[in-house]
Amino acid sequence: MKTLDIVMNGLMSRYKARVPDVSKIINAMVAEGIIAQAEAIENDHVAFRTMGVPQLGIQSFEKIFQYLGYQKREPYVFKEKKLDAYWYAPPAPHYPRIFVSELRVGDLSEKAQQIIKSYTDEVTADPADVLNLNDGAAIDAFLHQPLWRTPRLEDYVALLAESEYAAWVIYNRYYLNHFTISVHNLPDGYNTVADFNVFLEKLGIKLNDSGGKIKESPDGGLLQSATVAQKITATFAEGAAYVISGSYVEFAERRVLPQFQDLAPSQVQRQHRREGFEAANADKIFESTYTSQTNKP
């Protein structure tokens, strides 16, 4: 098995175990006859969150996947959320795109910076530089191991008040933030985000409604929706238990580009559809882990 396959399988297996909505949705898709098996789902992209500090952040994280053949694409800026991001194109079409964001730690209050750095300063050198990037199991283990000590509950709560993204990362680290089902390749009746949302809500799945349940790019080529992150009981330092946001599932519809509209549906390939991401869409999807969404009845 290729190194990248080992890494992706490891990420997805832990993610599915942590996010019950994943199996609930996939099992319902099979039962409904939308797909024959889970492997038929096209994973549009996976996403990670990082802290923007010298020894970590995007510059460190990207080394892993660039080594495995991913190519860095456009940058995105989220001014109000104090985030920067890039997306990465996969080495082959059957692999998901990767979206990596990082918190501009220096833009936070002095108190928040001190809390974050009290943890991230435990990482004294870039961990990607000593990671064996030919060893899929080693990469998988690294992406699921603590980068710093278990945070104190009071530190988590203090960060939550200023940056919910910061609070999420301080506890969850590199855990997979979400994976994304491409709906445009599904059968008629399910192959738009609008139709698929109807299917999801019949299952009792709660959707992120920040900016509307469907987030659409200005060019109309990329439509996205997402579940609200499922809550998990986290164990903080000294055994303190607290319910926090875990991960979620996203759905994407990439429409055929205008210059390829004359292609028969059977001829449409990945390169014929709208590529990349849309900052305004992503800005609202980040909120799938925010209490403004997770605390809704």
C-alpha atoms as a PDB file:
ATOM      1  CA  MET A   1       0.000   0.000   0.000  1.00  0.00           C
ATOM      2  CA  LYS A   2       1.266   3.465  -0.856  1.00  0.00           C
ATOM      3  CA  THR A   3       2.334   5.772   1.963  1.00  0.00           C
ATOM      4  CA  LEU A   4      -0.436   8.240   1.140  1.00  0.00           C
ATOM      5  CA  ASP A   5      -3.062   5.469   1.229  1.00  0.00           C
ATOM      6  CA  ILE A   6      -1.894   4.429   4.691  1.00  0.00           C
ATOM      7  CA  VAL A   7      -2.106   8.027   5.923  1.00  0.00           C
ATOM      8  CA  MET A   8      -5.566   8.624   4.456  1.00  0.00           C
ATOM      9  CA  ASN A   9      -6.933   5.316   5.748  1.00  0.00           C
ATOM     10  CA  GLY A  10      -5.608   6.117   9.218  1.00  0.00           C
ATOM     11  CA  LEU A  11      -7.148   9.575   9.196  1.00  0.00           C
ATOM     12  CA  MET A  12     -10.529   8.322   8.033  1.00  0.00           C
ATOM     13  CA  SER A  13     -10.727   5.356  10.412  1.00  0.00           C
ATOM     14  CA  ARG A  14     -10.155   7.541  13.489  1.00  0.00           C
ATOM     15  CA  TYR A  15     -12.432  10.252  12.143  1.00  0.00           C
ATOM     16  CA  LYS A  16     -15.309   7.803  11.559  1.00  0.00           C
ATOM     17  CA  ALA A  17     -14.916   6.434  15.071  1.00  0.00           C
ATOM     18  CA  ARG A  18     -15.103   9.953  16.492  1.00  0.00           C
ATOM     19  CA  VAL A  19     -17.945  11.329  14.342  1.00  0.00           C
ATOM     20  CA  PRO A  20     -21.010   9.025  14.400  1.00  0.00           C
ATOM     21  CA  ASP A  21     -22.719  11.143  11.710  1.00  0.00           C
ATOM     22  CA  VAL A  22     -20.229   9.755   9.164  1.00  0.00           C
ATOM     23  CA  SER A  23     -21.423   6.152   9.451  1.00  0.00           C
ATOM     24  CA  LYS A  24     -25.029   7.260   9.899  1.00  0.00           C
ATOM     25  CA  ILE A  25     -24.944   9.140   6.581  1.00  0.00           C
ATOM     26  CA  ILE A  26     -22.988   6.485   4.669  1.00  0.00           C
ATOM     27  CA  ASN A  27     -25.166   3.624   5.930  1.00  0.00           C
ATOM     28  CA  ALA A  28     -28.298   5.552   4.960  1.00  0.00           C
ATOM     29  CA  MET A  29     -26.856   6.216   1.483  1.00  0.00           C
ATOM     30  CA  VAL A  30     -26.324   2.482   1.001  1.00  0.00           C
ATOM     31  CA  ALA A  31     -29.764   1.601   2.401  1.00  0.00           C
ATOM     32  CA  GLU A  32     -31.380   4.170   0.088  1.00  0.00           C
ATOM     33  CA  GLY A  33     -29.557   2.720  -2.910  1.00  0.00           C
ATOM     34  CA  ILE A  34     -27.688   5.972  -3.581  1.00  0.00           C
ATOM     35  CA  ILE A  35     -24.397   4.068  -3.497  1.00  0.00           C
ATOM     36  CA  ALA A  36     -23.605   0.355  -3.420  1.00  0.00           C
ATOM     37  CA  GLN A  37     -20.803   0.676  -0.884  1.00  0.00           C
ATOM     38  CA  ALA A  38     -18.914   3.311   1.111  1.00  0.00           C
ATOM     39  CA  GLU A  39     -15.955   3.160  -1.293  1.00  0.00           C
ATOM     40  CA  ALA A  40     -18.166   4.654  -4.019  1.00  0.00           C
ATOM     41  CA  ILE A  41     -18.137   8.040  -2.274  1.00  0.00           C
ATOM     42  CA  GLU A  42     -15.834  10.637  -3.791  1.00  0.00           C
ATOM     43  CA  ASN A  43     -14.058  12.541  -1.017  1.00  0.00           C
ATOM     44  CA  ASP A  44     -13.891  16.120  -2.294  1.00  0.00           C
ATOM     45  CA  HIS A  45     -11.480  17.338   0.364  1.00  0.00           C
ATOM     46  CA  VAL A  46     -10.292  16.928   3.929  1.00  0.00           C
ATOM     47  CA  ALA A  47      -9.413  19.812   6.226  1.00  0.00           C
ATOM     48  CA  PHE A  48      -6.985  20.468   9.053  1.00  0.00           C
ATOM     49  CA  ARG A  49      -6.556  23.307  11.536  1.00  0.00           C
ATOM     50  CA  THR A  50      -3.228  24.539  12.885  1.00  0.00           C
ATOM     51  CA  MET A  51      -1.680  27.157  15.147  1.00  0.00           C
ATOM     52  CA  GLY A  52       0.357  29.885  13.430  1.00  0.00           C
ATOM     53  CA  VAL A  53       3.491  29.739  15.560  1.00  0.00           C
ATOM     54  CA  PRO A  54       7.078  29.518  14.227  1.00  0.00           C
ATOM     55  CA  GLN A  55       7.651  25.787  14.743  1.00  0.00           C
ATOM     56  CA  LEU A  56       4.174  24.673  13.656  1.00  0.00           C
ATOM     57  CA  GLY A  57       1.399  26.040  11.445  1.00  0.00           C
ATOM     58  CA  ILE A  58       0.980  25.641   7.712  1.00  0.00           C
ATOM     59  CA  GLN A  59       4.699  25.823   6.950  1.00  0.00           C
ATOM     60  CA  SER A  60       5.271  22.704   9.042  1.00  0.00           C
ATOM     61  CA  PHE A  61       2.104  20.762   8.247  1.00  0.00           C
ATOM     62  CA  GLU A  62       2.351  21.176   4.478  1.00  0.00           C
ATOM     63  CA  LYS A  63       5.760  19.471   4.383  1.00  0.00           C
ATOM     64  CA  ILE A  64       4.062  16.129   4.977  1.00  0.00           C
ATOM     65  CA  PHE A  65       1.594  16.268   2.130  1.00  0.00           C
ATOM     66  CA  GLN A  66       3.822  18.112  -0.313  1.00  0.00           C
ATOM     67  CA  TYR A  67       6.316  15.283   0.126  1.00  0.00           C
ATOM     68  CA  LEU A  68       3.502  12.854  -0.694  1.00  0.00           C
ATOM     69  CA  GLY A  69       2.788  14.660  -3.965  1.00  0.00           C
ATOM     70  CA  TYR A  70       0.320  17.408  -3.108  1.00  0.00           C
ATOM     71  CA  GLN A  71       0.758  20.801  -4.799  1.00  0.00           C
ATOM     72  CA  LYS A  72       0.119  24.094  -3.034  1.00  0.00           C
ATOM     73  CA  ARG A  73      -2.566  26.275  -4.593  1.00  0.00           C
ATOM     74  CA  GLU A  74      -4.327  29.564  -3.773  1.00  0.00           C
ATOM     75  CA  PRO A  75      -4.184  31.323  -0.407  1.00  0.00           C
ATOM     76  CA  TYR A  76      -7.255  32.472   1.519  1.00  0.00           C
ATOM     77  CA  VAL A  77      -7.580  35.102   4.246  1.00  0.00           C
ATOM     78  CA  PHE A  78     -10.306  35.196   6.901  1.00  0.00           C
ATOM     79  CA  LYS A  79      -9.886  38.609   8.464  1.00  0.00           C
ATOM     80  CA  GLU A  80     -12.510  38.493  11.199  1.00  0.00           C
ATOM     81  CA  LYS A  81     -11.642  34.953  12.286  1.00  0.00           C
ATOM     82  CA  LYS A  82      -7.908  35.796  12.176  1.00  0.00           C
ATOM     83  CA  LEU A  83      -7.127  32.832   9.911  1.00  0.00           C
ATOM     84  CA  ASP A  84      -5.008  32.146   6.844  1.00  0.00           C
ATOM     85  CA  ALA A  85      -5.361  29.067   4.640  1.00  0.00           C
ATOM     86  CA  TYR A  86      -4.177  27.277   1.506  1.00  0.00           C
ATOM     87  CA  TRP A  87      -5.538  24.371  -0.451  1.00  0.00           C
ATOM     88  CA  TYR A  88      -3.458  21.585  -1.987  1.00  0.00           C
ATOM     89  CA  ALA A  89      -4.161  19.639  -5.149  1.00  0.00           C
ATOM     90  CA  PRO A  90      -3.722  15.849  -4.897  1.00  0.00           C
ATOM     91  CA  PRO A  91      -1.185  13.781  -6.864  1.00  0.00           C
ATOM     92  CA  ALA A  92      -3.998  11.771  -8.493  1.00  0.00           C
ATOM     93  CA  PRO A  93      -7.739  12.463  -8.978  1.00  0.00           C
ATOM     94  CA  HIS A  94      -8.928   9.723  -6.625  1.00  0.00           C
ATOM     95  CA  TYR A  95      -7.308  11.429  -3.636  1.00  0.00           C
ATOM     96  CA  PRO A  96      -9.057  14.294  -1.836  1.00  0.00           C
ATOM     97  CA  ARG A  97      -7.950  17.891  -2.021  1.00  0.00           C
ATOM     98  CA  ILE A  98      -6.539  19.196   1.268  1.00  0.00           C
ATOM     99  CA  PHE A  99      -7.513  22.477   2.937  1.00  0.00           C
ATOM    100  CA  VAL A 100      -5.194  23.672   5.722  1.00  0.00           C
ATOM    101  CA  SER A 101      -5.874  26.734   7.857  1.00  0.00           C
ATOM    102  CA  GLU A 102      -3.887  28.374  10.622  1.00  0.00           C
ATOM    103  CA  LEU A 103      -4.689  30.827  13.375  1.00  0.00           C
ATOM    104  CA  ARG A 104      -2.828  34.148  13.272  1.00  0.00           C
ATOM    105  CA  VAL A 105      -1.864  33.799  16.927  1.00  0.00           C
ATOM    106  CA  GLY A 106      -0.131  37.187  16.941  1.00  0.00           C
ATOM    107  CA  ASP A 107      -3.450  38.899  16.195  1.00  0.00           C
ATOM    108  CA  LEU A 108      -5.042  37.675  19.421  1.00  0.00           C
ATOM    109  CA  SER A 109      -5.003  39.394  22.812  1.00  0.00           C
ATOM    110  CA  GLU A 110      -1.872  39.171  24.922  1.00  0.00           C
ATOM    111  CA  LYS A 111      -3.657  36.828  27.333  1.00  0.00           C
ATOM    112  CA  ALA A 112      -4.733  34.446  24.571  1.00  0.00           C
ATOM    113  CA  GLN A 113      -1.252  34.457  23.057  1.00  0.00           C
ATOM    114  CA  GLN A 114       0.276  33.611  26.420  1.00  0.00           C
ATOM    115  CA  ILE A 115      -2.119  30.690  26.906  1.00  0.00           C
ATOM    116  CA  ILE A 116      -1.453  29.285  23.421  1.00  0.00           C
ATOM    117  CA  LYS A 117       2.314  29.691  23.632  1.00  0.00           C
ATOM    118  CA  SER A 118       2.427  28.052  27.055  1.00  0.00           C
ATOM    119  CA  TYR A 119       1.435  24.896  25.165  1.00  0.00           C
ATOM    120  CA  THR A 120       2.960  25.319  21.709  1.00  0.00           C
ATOM    121  CA  ASP A 121       6.339  26.360  23.158  1.00  0.00           C
ATOM    122  CA  GLU A 122       6.680  22.750  24.307  1.00  0.00           C
ATOM    123  CA  VAL A 123       7.284  21.991  20.619  1.00  0.00           C
ATOM    124  CA  THR A 124      10.805  23.380  20.381  1.00  0.00           C
ATOM    125  CA  ALA A 125      11.570  22.346  16.784  1.00  0.00           C
ATOM    126  CA  ASP A 126       9.511  21.649  13.670  1.00  0.00           C
ATOM    127  CA  PRO A 127       8.310  18.049  14.202  1.00  0.00           C
ATOM    128  CA  ALA A 128       7.880  17.489  10.450  1.00  0.00           C
ATOM    129  CA  ASP A 129      11.639  17.809  10.014  1.00  0.00           C
ATOM    130  CA  VAL A 130      12.325  14.626  11.988  1.00  0.00           C
ATOM    131  CA  LEU A 131       9.337  12.643  10.757  1.00  0.00           C
ATOM    132  CA  ASN A 132      10.044   9.735   8.383  1.00  0.00           C
ATOM    133  CA  LEU A 133       7.883  10.842   5.461  1.00  0.00           C
ATOM    134  CA  ASN A 134       8.281   7.465   3.750  1.00  0.00           C
ATOM    135  CA  ASP A 135       6.590   5.718   6.682  1.00  0.00           C
ATOM    136  CA  GLY A 136       2.806   5.957   6.423  1.00  0.00           C
ATOM    137  CA  ALA A 137       2.255   4.462   9.867  1.00  0.00           C
ATOM    138  CA  ALA A 138       4.630   6.992  11.427  1.00  0.00           C
ATOM    139  CA  ILE A 139       2.816   9.892   9.736  1.00  0.00           C
ATOM    140  CA  ASP A 140      -0.549   8.506  10.801  1.00  0.00           C
ATOM    141  CA  ALA A 141       0.644   8.193  14.399  1.00  0.00           C
ATOM    142  CA  PHE A 142       2.063  11.729  14.342  1.00  0.00           C
ATOM    143  CA  LEU A 143      -1.219  13.232  13.108  1.00  0.00           C
ATOM    144  CA  HIS A 144      -3.047  11.651  16.046  1.00  0.00           C
ATOM    145  CA  GLN A 145      -0.544  12.183  18.845  1.00  0.00           C
ATOM    146  CA  PRO A 146      -0.568  15.084  21.321  1.00  0.00           C
ATOM    147  CA  LEU A 147       1.743  17.893  20.228  1.00  0.00           C
ATOM    148  CA  TRP A 148       1.648  19.435  23.693  1.00  0.00           C
ATOM    149  CA  ARG A 149       0.352  18.584  27.156  1.00  0.00           C
ATOM    150  CA  THR A 150      -3.365  18.133  27.770  1.00  0.00           C
ATOM    151  CA  PRO A 151      -4.797  21.633  28.208  1.00  0.00           C
ATOM    152  CA  ARG A 152      -6.383  22.887  31.400  1.00  0.00           C
ATOM    153  CA  LEU A 153     -10.122  23.434  31.226  1.00  0.00           C
ATOM    154  CA  GLU A 154      -9.796  27.082  32.323  1.00  0.00           C
ATOM    155  CA  ASP A 155      -7.383  27.730  29.443  1.00  0.00           C
ATOM    156  CA  TYR A 156      -9.789  26.131  26.962  1.00  0.00           C
ATOM    157  CA  VAL A 157     -12.691  28.238  28.255  1.00  0.00           C
ATOM    158  CA  ALA A 158     -10.603  31.429  28.141  1.00  0.00           C
ATOM    159  CA  LEU A 159      -9.652  30.769  24.511  1.00  0.00           C
ATOM    160  CA  LEU A 160     -13.236  29.844  23.627  1.00  0.00           C
ATOM    161  CA  ALA A 161     -14.356  33.320  24.677  1.00  0.00           C
ATOM    162  CA  GLU A 162     -11.965  34.973  22.213  1.00  0.00           C
ATOM    163  CA  SER A 163     -11.388  32.476  19.397  1.00  0.00           C
ATOM    164  CA  GLU A 164     -13.433  29.301  19.087  1.00  0.00           C
ATOM    165  CA  TYR A 165     -10.948  28.139  16.463  1.00  0.00           C
ATOM    166  CA  ALA A 166      -8.098  28.491  18.991  1.00  0.00           C
ATOM    167  CA  ALA A 167     -10.027  26.519  21.591  1.00  0.00           C
ATOM    168  CA  TRP A 168     -10.760  23.757  19.063  1.00  0.00           C
ATOM    169  CA  VAL A 169      -7.100  23.389  18.089  1.00  0.00           C
ATOM    170  CA  ILE A 170      -5.681  23.580  21.605  1.00  0.00           C
ATOM    171  CA  TYR A 171      -7.606  20.390  22.443  1.00  0.00           C
ATOM    172  CA  ASN A 172      -8.039  18.586  19.104  1.00  0.00           C
ATOM    173  CA  ARG A 173      -4.647  19.395  17.522  1.00  0.00           C
ATOM    174  CA  TYR A 174      -4.308  17.768  14.072  1.00  0.00           C
ATOM    175  CA  TYR A 175      -7.423  15.602  14.262  1.00  0.00           C
ATOM    176  CA  LEU A 176      -9.237  15.589  10.946  1.00  0.00           C
ATOM    177  CA  ASN A 177     -11.624  18.541  11.066  1.00  0.00           C
ATOM    178  CA  HIS A 178     -13.911  17.206   8.330  1.00  0.00           C
ATOM    179  CA  PHE A 179     -14.175  15.145   5.183  1.00  0.00           C
ATOM    180  CA  THR A 180     -16.406  16.100   2.287  1.00  0.00           C
ATOM    181  CA  ILE A 181     -18.840  14.055   0.216  1.00  0.00           C
ATOM    182  CA  SER A 182     -18.941  15.095  -3.441  1.00  0.00           C
ATOM    183  CA  VAL A 183     -22.641  15.058  -4.262  1.00  0.00           C
ATOM    184  CA  HIS A 184     -22.417  15.963  -7.964  1.00  0.00           C
ATOM    185  CA  ASN A 185     -21.503  12.397  -8.925  1.00  0.00           C
ATOM    186  CA  LEU A 186     -24.444  10.852  -7.085  1.00  0.00           C
ATOM    187  CA  PRO A 187     -27.654   9.720  -8.869  1.00  0.00           C
ATOM    188  CA  ASP A 188     -30.380  12.180  -9.854  1.00  0.00           C
ATOM    189  CA  GLY A 189     -32.390  13.313  -6.856  1.00  0.00           C
ATOM    190  CA  TYR A 190     -29.280  13.421  -4.673  1.00  0.00           C
ATOM    191  CA  ASN A 191     -26.676  15.080  -6.912  1.00  0.00           C
ATOM    192  CA  THR A 192     -27.158  18.671  -5.785  1.00  0.00           C
ATOM    193  CA  VAL A 193     -26.484  20.115  -2.346  1.00  0.00           C
ATOM    194  CA  ALA A 194     -30.121  21.223  -2.179  1.00  0.00           C
ATOM    195  CA  ASP A 195     -31.410  17.694  -2.817  1.00  0.00           C
ATOM    196  CA  PHE A 196     -28.834  16.073  -0.558  1.00  0.00           C
ATOM    197  CA  ASN A 197     -29.688  18.449   2.282  1.00  0.00           C
ATOM    198  CA  VAL A 198     -33.303  17.223   2.091  1.00  0.00           C
ATOM    199  CA  PHE A 199     -32.042  13.639   2.409  1.00  0.00           C
ATOM    200  CA  LEU A 200     -29.830  14.585   5.370  1.00  0.00           C
ATOM    201  CA  GLU A 201     -32.553  16.389   7.261  1.00  0.00           C
ATOM    202  CA  LYS A 202     -34.898  13.426   6.839  1.00  0.00           C
ATOM    203  CA  LEU A 203     -32.230  11.446   8.719  1.00  0.00           C
ATOM    204  CA  GLY A 204     -32.380  13.972  11.531  1.00  0.00           C
ATOM    205  CA  ILE A 205     -28.966  15.427  10.675  1.00  0.00           C
ATOM    206  CA  LYS A 206     -28.527  19.001  11.916  1.00  0.00           C
ATOM    207  CA  LEU A 207     -27.042  21.357   9.308  1.00  0.00           C
ATOM    208  CA  ASN A 208     -24.904  24.459   9.757  1.00  0.00           C
ATOM    209  CA  ASP A 209     -27.194  27.386   8.900  1.00  0.00           C
ATOM    210  CA  SER A 210     -24.668  30.203   9.223  1.00  0.00           C
ATOM    211  CA  GLY A 211     -25.172  32.281   6.074  1.00  0.00           C
ATOM    212  CA  GLY A 212     -27.900  29.822   5.047  1.00  0.00           C
ATOM    213  CA  LYS A 213     -27.765  26.039   4.861  1.00  0.00           C
ATOM    214  CA  ILE A 214     -26.326  26.265   1.325  1.00  0.00           C
ATOM    215  CA  LYS A 215     -23.157  28.317   0.856  1.00  0.00           C
ATOM    216  CA  GLU A 216     -22.721  29.315  -2.809  1.00  0.00           C
ATOM    217  CA  SER A 217     -19.734  30.936  -4.519  1.00  0.00           C
ATOM    218  CA  PRO A 218     -20.404  34.194  -6.427  1.00  0.00           C
ATOM    219  CA  ASP A 219     -19.793  32.409  -9.741  1.00  0.00           C
ATOM    220  CA  GLY A 220     -22.388  29.776  -8.818  1.00  0.00           C
ATOM    221  CA  GLY A 221     -19.902  26.983  -9.468  1.00  0.00           C
ATOM    222  CA  LEU A 222     -19.298  25.745  -5.924  1.00  0.00           C
ATOM    223  CA  LEU A 223     -22.096  24.959  -3.483  1.00  0.00           C
ATOM    224  CA  GLN A 224     -21.423  23.586  -0.014  1.00  0.00           C
ATOM    225  CA  SER A 225     -23.229  22.586   3.143  1.00  0.00           C
ATOM    226  CA  ALA A 226     -22.089  20.981   6.378  1.00  0.00           C
ATOM    227  CA  THR A 227     -23.366  19.223   9.455  1.00  0.00           C
ATOM    228  CA  VAL A 228     -23.030  20.834  12.845  1.00  0.00           C
ATOM    229  CA  ALA A 229     -20.053  19.339  14.683  1.00  0.00           C
ATOM    230  CA  GLN A 230     -20.945  16.568  17.059  1.00  0.00           C
ATOM    231  CA  LYS A 231     -20.169  17.171  20.691  1.00  0.00           C
ATOM    232  CA  ILE A 232     -17.662  15.017  22.517  1.00  0.00           C
ATOM    233  CA  THR A 233     -16.848  14.741  26.185  1.00  0.00           C
ATOM    234  CA  ALA A 234     -13.259  15.894  26.474  1.00  0.00           C
ATOM    235  CA  THR A 235     -10.985  15.074  29.378  1.00  0.00           C
ATOM    236  CA  PHE A 236      -8.815  18.022  30.324  1.00  0.00           C
ATOM    237  CA  ALA A 237      -5.850  18.236  32.689  1.00  0.00           C
ATOM    238  CA  GLU A 238      -6.428  16.848  36.175  1.00  0.00           C
ATOM    239  CA  GLY A 239      -9.343  14.798  34.832  1.00  0.00           C
ATOM    240  CA  ALA A 240     -11.772  17.669  34.287  1.00  0.00           C
ATOM    241  CA  ALA A 241     -14.550  16.604  31.884  1.00  0.00           C
ATOM    242  CA  TYR A 242     -16.234  19.102  29.583  1.00  0.00           C
ATOM    243  CA  VAL A 243     -18.401  18.793  26.482  1.00  0.00           C
ATOM    244  CA  ILE A 244     -16.754  20.412  23.438  1.00  0.00           C
ATOM    245  CA  SER A 245     -17.132  20.466  19.653  1.00  0.00           C
ATOM    246  CA  GLY A 246     -15.583  17.589  17.744  1.00  0.00           C
ATOM    247  CA  SER A 247     -15.562  17.229  13.959  1.00  0.00           C
ATOM    248  CA  TYR A 248     -18.225  17.351  11.257  1.00  0.00           C
ATOM    249  CA  VAL A 249     -19.104  16.302   7.683  1.00  0.00           C
ATOM    250  CA  GLU A 250     -19.228  18.579   4.645  1.00  0.00           C
ATOM    251  CA  PHE A 251     -20.946  18.234   1.265  1.00  0.00           C
ATOM    252  CA  ALA A 252     -19.816  19.832  -1.989  1.00  0.00           C
ATOM    253  CA  GLU A 253     -21.359  20.312  -5.412  1.00  0.00           C
ATOM    254  CA  ARG A 254     -18.896  21.386  -8.092  1.00  0.00           C
ATOM    255  CA  ARG A 255     -20.752  22.407 -11.214  1.00  0.00           C
ATOM    256  CA  VAL A 256     -19.491  21.881 -14.746  1.00  0.00           C
ATOM    257  CA  LEU A 257     -17.564  24.907 -16.041  1.00  0.00           C
ATOM    258  CA  PRO A 258     -19.265  26.988 -18.771  1.00  0.00           C
ATOM    259  CA  GLN A 259     -16.780  25.915 -21.460  1.00  0.00           C
ATOM    260  CA  PHE A 260     -17.649  22.245 -20.861  1.00  0.00           C
ATOM    261  CA  GLN A 261     -21.440  22.536 -20.686  1.00  0.00           C
ATOM    262  CA  ASP A 262     -21.848  20.632 -23.967  1.00  0.00           C
ATOM    263  CA  LEU A 263     -20.201  17.476 -22.591  1.00  0.00           C
ATOM    264  CA  ALA A 264     -22.425  14.489 -22.000  1.00  0.00           C
ATOM    265  CA  PRO A 265     -22.748  13.650 -18.287  1.00  0.00           C
ATOM    266  CA  SER A 266     -20.776  10.429 -18.848  1.00  0.00           C
ATOM    267  CA  GLN A 267     -17.863  12.450 -20.238  1.00  0.00           C
ATOM    268  CA  VAL A 268     -17.559  14.900 -17.362  1.00  0.00           C
ATOM    269  CA  GLN A 269     -14.368  14.426 -15.358  1.00  0.00           C
ATOM    270  CA  ARG A 270     -12.962  16.210 -12.329  1.00  0.00           C
ATOM    271  CA  GLN A 271     -11.047  18.714 -14.503  1.00  0.00           C
ATOM    272  CA  HIS A 272     -14.278  19.846 -16.147  1.00  0.00           C
ATOM    273  CA  ARG A 273     -15.785  21.097 -12.881  1.00  0.00           C
ATOM    274  CA  ARG A 274     -15.256  24.214 -10.806  1.00  0.00           C
ATOM    275  CA  GLU A 275     -11.968  23.857  -8.919  1.00  0.00           C
ATOM    276  CA  GLY A 276     -10.562  25.405  -5.768  1.00  0.00           C
ATOM    277  CA  PHE A 277     -12.458  26.907  -2.873  1.00  0.00           C
ATOM    278  CA  GLU A 278     -14.390  30.046  -1.951  1.00  0.00           C
ATOM    279  CA  ALA A 279     -13.404  32.113   1.079  1.00  0.00           C
ATOM    280  CA  ALA A 280     -16.941  33.317   1.817  1.00  0.00           C
ATOM    281  CA  ASN A 281     -18.233  29.725   1.837  1.00  0.00           C
ATOM    282  CA  ALA A 282     -15.386  28.459   4.011  1.00  0.00           C
ATOM    283  CA  ASP A 283     -15.816  31.345   6.436  1.00  0.00           C
ATOM    284  CA  LYS A 284     -19.307  30.110   7.317  1.00  0.00           C
ATOM    285  CA  ILE A 285     -18.366  26.426   7.287  1.00  0.00           C
ATOM    286  CA  PHE A 286     -15.687  27.043   9.935  1.00  0.00           C
ATOM    287  CA  GLU A 287     -18.607  27.812  12.231  1.00  0.00           C
ATOM    288  CA  SER A 288     -19.757  24.178  12.200  1.00  0.00           C
ATOM    289  CA  THR A 289     -17.653  23.790  15.364  1.00  0.00           C
ATOM    290  CA  TYR A 290     -18.749  27.094  16.918  1.00  0.00           C
ATOM    291  CA  THR A 291     -21.134  27.232  19.869  1.00  0.00           C
ATOM    292  CA  SER A 292     -23.456  29.505  17.831  1.00  0.00           C
ATOM    293  CA  GLN A 293     -24.215  26.333  15.840  1.00  0.00           C
ATOM    294  CA  THR A 294     -23.578  23.473  18.260  1.00  0.00           C
ATOM    295  CA  ASN A 295     -25.734  24.954  21.037  1.00  0.00           C
ATOM    296  CA  LYS A 296     -28.797  25.336  18.830  1.00  0.00           C
ATOM    297  CA  PRO A 297     -31.671  22.987  19.742  1.00  0.00           C
END
